[in-house]
Amino acid sequence: MKEEKGCLNAGCLALSIESRAAEGGPGPMVSRSIPAAMALVALTACQQHAPDAGTGAMFYRATCATCHEPGSSPQAPDLTELAARNGGRFPMARVTRIIDGRSDLRAHGSPMPVWGAILTGPEVRDLAAYLAAIQQ
């Protein structure tokens, strides 16, 4: 089986099974149904959660706004200026690592909670998508 970007290549799998059928392997009914079923499984497995900034806005209001809204906490950075402080590019990977706790930010005594212990991976990506959307 060939793997591309973490997903099974269903076409390659189907050809492999049909080749075995031609060589005296499973009969014609199996050679048609197995590739179709495997293709469906592979396509379903390849689908990823597309980040949703609207959902991220809900998480922001529930988890971040208390500290990151202007005037709320002198030690929490303004999250609308992340791109401006990074040469005009939003640092998506770094922001995601900070939110989910993989960043070394905590090693220096940050008061920010590890939201990755509370939010799921897709929720963290939604939150990061919202932060990218609110850059000034």
Protein backbone atom coordinates (compact mmCIF):
# COMPACT_ATOMS: atom_id res chain seq x y z
CA MET A 1 0.00 0.00 0.00
CA LYS A 2 1.18 3.48 -0.82
CA GLU A 3 0.83 6.21 1.77
CA GLU A 4 0.51 9.89 0.87
CA LYS A 5 0.40 12.66 3.49
CA GLY A 6 -0.70 10.25 6.20
CA CYS A 7 -3.60 8.79 4.21
CA LEU A 8 -3.95 5.46 2.49
CA ASN A 9 -3.94 5.75 -1.25
CA ALA A 10 -7.20 3.91 -1.98
CA GLY A 11 -6.52 3.67 -5.71
CA CYS A 12 -3.25 1.84 -5.11
CA LEU A 13 -4.96 -0.48 -2.62
CA ALA A 14 -7.77 -1.20 -5.09
CA LEU A 15 -5.29 -2.06 -7.85
CA SER A 16 -3.41 -4.36 -5.51
CA ILE A 17 -6.56 -6.28 -4.56
CA GLU A 18 -7.79 -6.48 -8.17
CA SER A 19 -4.35 -7.77 -9.25
CA ARG A 20 -4.65 -10.56 -6.70
CA ALA A 21 -8.11 -11.38 -8.04
CA ALA A 22 -6.69 -11.69 -11.56
CA GLU A 23 -4.05 -14.09 -10.23
CA GLY A 24 -6.65 -16.45 -8.78
CA GLY A 25 -7.21 -14.58 -5.51
CA PRO A 26 -10.66 -13.50 -4.32
CA GLY A 27 -13.49 -13.87 -6.82
CA PRO A 28 -14.94 -11.08 -8.96
CA MET A 29 -17.54 -10.03 -6.36
CA VAL A 30 -14.89 -9.60 -3.67
CA SER A 31 -12.49 -7.83 -6.02
CA ARG A 32 -15.11 -5.15 -6.67
CA SER A 33 -16.55 -4.73 -3.17
CA ILE A 34 -13.32 -4.69 -1.15
CA PRO A 35 -11.67 -1.86 -3.13
CA ALA A 36 -14.85 0.21 -2.95
CA ALA A 37 -15.14 -0.31 0.82
CA MET A 38 -11.44 0.39 1.38
CA ALA A 39 -11.65 3.55 -0.73
CA LEU A 40 -14.56 4.78 1.38
CA VAL A 41 -12.67 4.04 4.61
CA ALA A 42 -9.52 5.73 3.29
CA LEU A 43 -11.38 8.85 2.16
CA THR A 44 -13.21 9.09 5.48
CA ALA A 45 -9.93 8.73 7.38
CA CYS A 46 -8.32 11.48 5.29
CA GLN A 47 -10.95 14.07 6.13
CA GLN A 48 -9.65 16.59 8.62
CA HIS A 49 -11.45 19.12 10.71
CA ALA A 50 -11.22 22.44 8.88
CA PRO A 51 -10.51 25.16 11.45
CA ASP A 52 -13.58 27.29 12.15
CA ALA A 53 -12.87 30.85 13.31
CA GLY A 54 -16.51 31.26 14.40
CA THR A 55 -16.21 28.37 16.83
CA GLY A 56 -12.79 29.69 17.84
CA ALA A 57 -14.44 33.01 18.77
CA MET A 58 -16.61 31.14 21.30
CA PHE A 59 -13.53 29.52 22.85
CA TYR A 60 -11.75 32.89 22.89
CA ARG A 61 -14.60 34.54 24.81
CA ALA A 62 -14.77 31.61 27.25
CA THR A 63 -11.04 31.06 27.82
CA CYS A 64 -8.89 33.98 26.63
CA ALA A 65 -10.80 37.27 26.78
CA THR A 66 -10.55 37.60 30.56
CA CYS A 67 -6.79 38.14 30.32
CA HIS A 68 -6.20 39.19 26.70
CA GLU A 69 -8.81 41.89 26.15
CA PRO A 70 -7.28 45.39 26.11
CA GLY A 71 -6.89 46.74 29.65
CA SER A 72 -7.65 43.44 31.37
CA SER A 73 -4.17 42.21 32.31
CA PRO A 74 -0.89 44.10 32.00
CA GLN A 75 1.12 40.90 31.55
CA ALA A 76 -1.04 39.25 28.85
CA PRO A 77 -0.16 40.30 25.28
CA ASP A 78 -2.66 41.85 22.88
CA LEU A 79 -3.50 38.93 20.63
CA THR A 80 -4.60 41.18 17.75
CA GLU A 81 -0.97 42.25 17.20
CA LEU A 82 0.69 38.84 16.82
CA ALA A 83 1.13 39.16 13.05
CA ALA A 84 2.42 42.74 13.34
CA ARG A 85 5.05 41.59 15.86
CA ASN A 86 6.12 38.80 13.49
CA GLY A 87 6.86 40.67 10.29
CA GLY A 88 3.23 40.72 9.13
CA ARG A 89 2.83 36.94 9.24
CA PHE A 90 0.60 35.21 11.77
CA PRO A 91 2.72 32.59 13.61
CA MET A 92 0.11 29.79 13.44
CA ALA A 93 2.36 26.92 14.56
CA ARG A 94 3.79 28.88 17.49
CA VAL A 95 0.36 30.11 18.60
CA THR A 96 -1.02 26.56 18.48
CA ARG A 97 1.93 25.29 20.56
CA ILE A 98 1.40 28.03 23.15
CA ILE A 99 -2.34 27.32 23.42
CA ASP A 100 -1.98 23.55 23.75
CA GLY A 101 1.02 23.72 26.10
CA ARG A 102 3.77 22.37 23.84
CA SER A 103 5.65 25.69 23.88
CA ASP A 104 8.46 26.38 26.31
CA LEU A 105 6.50 29.44 27.46
CA ARG A 106 5.46 27.59 30.64
CA ALA A 107 9.08 26.92 31.60
CA HIS A 108 9.53 30.61 32.35
CA GLY A 109 6.68 30.82 34.84
CA SER A 110 3.85 31.94 32.58
CA PRO A 111 0.49 32.33 34.33
CA MET A 112 -1.27 31.17 31.16
CA PRO A 113 -3.11 27.85 31.63
CA VAL A 114 -2.36 24.85 29.41
CA TRP A 115 -5.54 24.91 27.33
CA GLY A 116 -4.50 21.72 25.52
CA ALA A 117 -5.47 19.86 28.69
CA ILE A 118 -9.02 21.23 28.34
CA LEU A 119 -9.59 21.84 24.62
CA THR A 120 -9.33 19.14 21.96
CA GLY A 121 -6.92 19.44 19.01
CA PRO A 122 -9.65 20.70 16.65
CA GLU A 123 -10.80 23.23 19.28
CA VAL A 124 -7.22 24.53 19.63
CA ARG A 125 -7.02 24.89 15.82
CA ASP A 126 -10.39 26.72 15.81
CA LEU A 127 -9.09 29.12 18.45
CA ALA A 128 -5.87 29.71 16.50
CA ALA A 129 -7.94 30.33 13.32
CA TYR A 130 -9.95 32.95 15.18
CA LEU A 131 -6.78 34.64 16.42
CA ALA A 132 -5.46 34.70 12.84
CA ALA A 133 -8.74 36.31 11.72
CA ILE A 134 -8.56 39.17 14.25
CA GLN A 135 -5.07 40.39 13.38
CA GLN A 136 -4.71 44.13 12.79
